[in-house]
Amino acid sequence: MNIQAVKAIYQHEMLRTWNTLFQSIASPVLSTSLYFIVFGSAIGSRMQSIDGVPYGSFIVPGLLMLTLLTQSIANASFGIFFPKFSGTIYEIMSAPLSHFEILLGYVGAAATKSFIIGMIILITSSFFVELEIKHPVWMFSFLILTCISFSLFGFIIGLWANNFEKLQLIPLLVITPLVFLGGSFYSVSMLPPFWQTVTLFNPVVYLISGFRWSFFGVSDVSIGLSLAMILLFLGICLSVVAWMFKTGYRLKS
């Protein structure tokens, strides 16, 4: 493996983050902090607990997942889209680099950015609500798997998009609604039976449920099913990226 080349891509992407620190890190942290203030402190203090967990604490995993998904997709999609837009992608493709090395550099940087943001938000949330993590190893496992999986998904979007409008299409019209309807601010068990069944077709439910279990030991679906779903999504994304590189989809034109 060409470690130096992977390192160069990784460092270039991370340098872009430090040069736009407020937009890349401070902005999502501040916006999520507003959720904690409004839903956690103001509204949460007037609501009953859910599954024995205070409402302000209950929404922490959902808000973290909302930020992780959107930031992972945004970082990875823009990271690969901009070289396509500027034409420098052809220099990268013609360099003595394997497709895996290119993927590792871009997705690794995007996942690292998302992980940093997630940890900052996790620390910030402790200033607004009481926070307990019952299964820290599982929490970090879900955190890392989510960052990697959705960075891969963002990489796919970046390869697929041929303009800036398409770059925002799926995150805004698909991912964000799925997260809000996936139990970020409520438990699926609170819904009527019909809507509980409908909600289980939302893949984000399994991510949020497993992540919430790692915090409080409560979940809407089994931890095994949550883990299986995220690993399945990871495998699908890897397969799609491999196909796109193999066929040159949106890379040769």
Protein backbone atom coordinates (compact mmCIF):
# COMPACT_ATOMS: atom_id res chain seq x y z
CA MET A 1 0.00 0.00 0.00
CA ASN A 2 1.17 3.51 -0.86
CA ILE A 3 1.03 4.95 2.67
CA GLN A 4 2.53 8.28 1.66
CA ALA A 5 -0.14 8.88 -0.99
CA VAL A 6 -2.96 7.97 1.39
CA LYS A 7 -1.41 10.25 4.00
CA ALA A 8 -1.19 13.10 1.48
CA ILE A 9 -4.89 12.85 0.57
CA TYR A 10 -5.85 12.51 4.24
CA GLN A 11 -3.78 15.50 5.35
CA HIS A 12 -5.05 17.64 2.46
CA GLU A 13 -8.66 16.96 3.47
CA MET A 14 -7.95 17.57 7.15
CA LEU A 15 -6.11 20.81 6.33
CA ARG A 16 -9.22 22.06 4.56
CA THR A 17 -11.13 21.49 7.79
CA TRP A 18 -8.68 23.51 9.90
CA ASN A 19 -8.75 26.33 7.36
CA THR A 20 -12.55 26.50 7.64
CA LEU A 21 -12.77 25.66 11.33
CA PHE A 22 -15.95 27.60 12.11
CA GLN A 23 -17.90 26.16 9.20
CA SER A 24 -16.57 22.62 9.59
CA ILE A 25 -16.68 22.13 13.37
CA ALA A 26 -17.99 25.13 15.30
CA SER A 27 -21.17 25.54 13.23
CA PRO A 28 -22.58 21.99 13.71
CA VAL A 29 -21.60 22.03 17.39
CA LEU A 30 -23.37 25.35 17.97
CA SER A 31 -26.51 24.29 16.10
CA THR A 32 -26.69 21.04 18.07
CA SER A 33 -26.18 22.94 21.33
CA LEU A 34 -29.32 24.93 20.49
CA TYR A 35 -31.25 21.64 20.33
CA PHE A 36 -29.97 20.78 23.80
CA ILE A 37 -30.99 24.19 25.13
CA VAL A 38 -34.48 24.12 23.60
CA PHE A 39 -35.41 20.42 23.77
CA GLY A 40 -33.17 19.30 26.61
CA SER A 41 -33.28 22.12 29.13
CA ALA A 42 -36.42 24.13 28.28
CA ILE A 43 -38.88 21.52 27.00
CA GLY A 44 -37.25 18.46 28.55
CA SER A 45 -37.63 19.80 32.11
CA ARG A 46 -41.42 19.85 31.58
CA MET A 47 -41.73 16.36 30.08
CA GLN A 48 -41.91 12.96 31.69
CA SER A 49 -39.06 10.51 31.36
CA ILE A 50 -39.05 7.93 28.54
CA ASP A 51 -38.21 4.35 29.50
CA GLY A 52 -36.93 5.69 32.80
CA VAL A 53 -34.55 8.16 31.11
CA PRO A 54 -35.03 11.95 31.50
CA TYR A 55 -36.14 13.43 28.18
CA GLY A 56 -33.17 15.80 27.96
CA SER A 57 -30.78 12.87 28.23
CA PHE A 58 -32.94 10.61 26.02
CA ILE A 59 -32.50 12.81 22.94
CA VAL A 60 -28.68 12.99 23.17
CA PRO A 61 -28.02 9.83 21.06
CA GLY A 62 -30.57 10.95 18.46
CA LEU A 63 -29.05 14.42 18.15
CA LEU A 64 -25.58 12.92 17.95
CA MET A 65 -26.73 10.56 15.21
CA LEU A 66 -28.40 13.42 13.32
CA THR A 67 -25.13 15.38 13.33
CA LEU A 68 -22.93 12.37 12.54
CA LEU A 69 -25.00 11.33 9.54
CA THR A 70 -25.27 14.79 8.00
CA GLN A 71 -21.64 15.74 8.65
CA SER A 72 -20.22 12.42 7.45
CA ILE A 73 -22.15 12.69 4.20
CA ALA A 74 -21.32 16.38 3.70
CA ASN A 75 -17.59 15.99 4.38
CA ALA A 76 -17.12 12.94 2.16
CA SER A 77 -19.35 14.09 -0.70
CA PHE A 78 -17.74 17.53 -1.01
CA GLY A 79 -14.26 16.03 -0.54
CA ILE A 80 -14.54 13.92 -3.72
CA PHE A 81 -16.93 16.21 -5.63
CA PHE A 82 -14.62 19.24 -5.62
CA PRO A 83 -11.75 17.40 -7.42
CA LYS A 84 -14.34 16.31 -10.01
CA PHE A 85 -15.62 19.86 -10.32
CA SER A 86 -12.12 21.34 -10.69
CA GLY A 87 -10.83 18.52 -12.92
CA THR A 88 -8.03 17.44 -10.57
CA ILE A 89 -9.71 14.05 -10.08
CA TYR A 90 -8.05 12.86 -13.32
CA GLU A 91 -4.61 13.53 -11.86
CA ILE A 92 -5.52 11.45 -8.81
CA MET A 93 -6.93 8.64 -10.96
CA SER A 94 -3.82 8.55 -13.16
CA ALA A 95 -1.44 8.50 -10.18
CA PRO A 96 0.06 5.16 -9.03
CA LEU A 97 -2.76 4.70 -6.52
CA SER A 98 -5.22 1.87 -6.12
CA HIS A 99 -8.92 2.62 -5.78
CA PHE A 100 -8.77 1.41 -2.19
CA GLU A 101 -6.00 3.89 -1.36
CA ILE A 102 -7.99 6.79 -2.84
CA LEU A 103 -11.06 5.66 -0.90
CA LEU A 104 -9.07 5.27 2.31
CA GLY A 105 -7.68 8.80 2.10
CA TYR A 106 -10.97 10.58 1.43
CA VAL A 107 -13.29 8.47 3.58
CA GLY A 108 -10.75 8.27 6.40
CA ALA A 109 -10.54 12.06 6.56
CA ALA A 110 -14.33 12.50 6.41
CA ALA A 111 -14.89 9.90 9.13
CA THR A 112 -12.23 11.53 11.32
CA LYS A 113 -13.89 14.93 11.02
CA SER A 114 -17.27 13.48 11.93
CA PHE A 115 -15.81 11.58 14.88
CA ILE A 116 -14.19 14.76 16.22
CA ILE A 117 -17.47 16.66 15.89
CA GLY A 118 -19.34 13.81 17.57
CA MET A 119 -16.96 13.77 20.54
CA ILE A 120 -17.15 17.55 20.94
CA ILE A 121 -20.97 17.41 20.92
CA LEU A 122 -20.92 14.51 23.39
CA ILE A 123 -18.79 16.55 25.78
CA THR A 124 -20.91 19.66 25.19
CA SER A 125 -24.13 17.77 25.96
CA SER A 126 -22.87 16.97 29.46
CA PHE A 127 -23.09 20.69 30.29
CA PHE A 128 -26.83 20.74 29.51
CA VAL A 129 -28.14 17.33 30.66
CA GLU A 130 -27.15 14.48 32.94
CA LEU A 131 -25.37 11.92 30.83
CA GLU A 132 -24.55 8.30 31.55
CA ILE A 133 -22.90 5.83 29.19
CA LYS A 134 -23.55 2.27 30.32
CA HIS A 135 -21.70 0.57 27.48
CA PRO A 136 -18.82 2.88 26.40
CA VAL A 137 -17.15 0.24 24.17
CA TRP A 138 -20.37 -0.27 22.21
CA MET A 139 -20.93 3.49 22.11
CA PHE A 140 -17.55 4.07 20.47
CA SER A 141 -18.11 1.09 18.15
CA PHE A 142 -21.42 2.49 16.90
CA LEU A 143 -19.89 5.95 16.66
CA ILE A 144 -16.99 4.76 14.50
CA LEU A 145 -19.10 2.44 12.34
CA THR A 146 -21.62 5.22 11.70
CA CYS A 147 -18.90 7.70 10.73
CA ILE A 148 -17.28 5.24 8.33
CA SER A 149 -20.53 3.95 6.81
CA PHE A 150 -22.05 7.33 6.08
CA SER A 151 -18.74 8.77 4.93
CA LEU A 152 -18.78 5.97 2.35
CA PHE A 153 -22.35 6.90 1.48
CA GLY A 154 -21.30 10.53 1.12
CA PHE A 155 -18.42 9.44 -1.13
CA ILE A 156 -20.97 7.70 -3.37
CA ILE A 157 -23.10 10.86 -3.49
CA GLY A 158 -20.02 12.92 -4.37
CA LEU A 159 -19.19 10.60 -7.27
CA TRP A 160 -22.82 10.53 -8.44
CA ALA A 161 -23.51 14.27 -8.28
CA ASN A 162 -22.61 16.40 -11.28
CA ASN A 163 -23.60 19.73 -9.76
CA PHE A 164 -23.90 21.38 -6.36
CA GLU A 165 -27.70 21.01 -6.31
CA LYS A 166 -27.50 17.22 -6.55
CA LEU A 167 -24.82 17.22 -3.87
CA GLN A 168 -27.43 18.50 -1.38
CA LEU A 169 -30.44 16.64 -2.75
CA ILE A 170 -30.20 13.32 -0.90
CA PRO A 171 -28.99 14.72 2.48
CA LEU A 172 -31.79 17.31 2.59
CA LEU A 173 -34.69 15.37 1.09
CA VAL A 174 -33.90 11.83 2.26
CA ILE A 175 -31.44 11.58 5.15
CA THR A 176 -32.68 14.44 7.35
CA PRO A 177 -36.37 13.34 7.24
CA LEU A 178 -35.36 9.73 7.95
CA VAL A 179 -33.40 10.82 11.01
CA PHE A 180 -36.22 12.97 12.39
CA LEU A 181 -38.70 10.13 11.77
CA GLY A 182 -36.30 7.50 13.11
CA GLY A 183 -36.83 8.07 16.82
CA SER A 184 -34.37 10.90 17.43
CA PHE A 185 -36.76 12.73 19.75
CA TYR A 186 -39.09 9.90 20.80
CA SER A 187 -39.32 6.17 21.36
CA VAL A 188 -40.87 4.06 18.63
CA SER A 189 -42.97 2.34 21.33
CA MET A 190 -44.83 5.64 21.84
CA LEU A 191 -46.38 5.37 18.36
CA PRO A 192 -49.62 3.56 17.48
CA PRO A 193 -49.08 -0.09 16.40
CA PHE A 194 -49.51 0.67 12.68
CA TRP A 195 -46.94 3.44 12.69
CA GLN A 196 -44.56 1.34 14.75
CA THR A 197 -44.58 -1.21 11.93
CA VAL A 198 -44.10 1.50 9.29
CA THR A 199 -41.22 3.04 11.27
CA LEU A 200 -39.35 -0.26 11.35
CA PHE A 201 -38.83 0.09 7.59
CA ASN A 202 -36.73 3.19 8.31
CA PRO A 203 -33.09 2.00 8.48
CA VAL A 204 -32.07 4.95 10.66
CA VAL A 205 -34.24 3.56 13.47
CA TYR A 206 -31.77 0.70 13.94
CA LEU A 207 -28.81 3.06 14.13
CA ILE A 208 -30.39 5.37 16.68
CA SER A 209 -31.82 2.48 18.71
CA GLY A 210 -28.47 0.70 19.00
CA PHE A 211 -26.67 3.93 19.79
CA ARG A 212 -29.24 4.80 22.48
CA TRP A 213 -28.86 1.33 23.99
CA SER A 214 -25.13 1.92 24.45
CA PHE A 215 -25.98 4.98 26.55
CA PHE A 216 -28.96 3.89 28.65
CA GLY A 217 -29.45 0.16 28.10
CA VAL A 218 -32.86 0.72 26.46
CA SER A 219 -33.72 0.31 22.78
CA ASP A 220 -36.61 -0.14 20.38
CA VAL A 221 -34.97 -3.08 18.58
CA SER A 222 -32.36 -5.64 19.63
CA ILE A 223 -28.72 -4.61 19.73
CA GLY A 224 -27.83 -7.53 17.44
CA LEU A 225 -30.25 -6.35 14.78
CA SER A 226 -28.93 -2.78 15.03
CA LEU A 227 -25.36 -3.97 14.56
CA ALA A 228 -26.35 -6.23 11.66
CA MET A 229 -28.12 -3.37 9.88
CA ILE A 230 -25.16 -0.98 10.08
CA LEU A 231 -22.75 -3.71 8.92
CA LEU A 232 -25.11 -4.50 6.03
CA PHE A 233 -25.21 -0.84 5.06
CA LEU A 234 -21.41 -0.68 5.26
CA GLY A 235 -21.11 -3.71 2.97
CA ILE A 236 -23.57 -2.26 0.45
CA CYS A 237 -21.70 1.05 0.32
CA LEU A 238 -18.37 -0.73 -0.23
CA SER A 239 -19.91 -2.77 -3.05
CA VAL A 240 -21.36 0.32 -4.74
CA VAL A 241 -18.05 2.22 -4.51
CA ALA A 242 -16.18 -0.79 -5.95
CA TRP A 243 -18.64 -0.93 -8.86
CA MET A 244 -18.34 2.83 -9.51
CA PHE A 245 -14.54 2.64 -9.64
CA LYS A 246 -14.57 -0.51 -11.77
CA THR A 247 -16.98 0.91 -14.35
CA GLY A 248 -15.69 4.49 -14.15
CA TYR A 249 -19.22 5.74 -13.43
CA ARG A 250 -19.17 9.55 -13.45
CA LEU A 251 -15.37 9.42 -13.43
CA LYS A 252 -14.57 8.96 -17.12
CA SER A 253 -16.71 11.79 -18.43
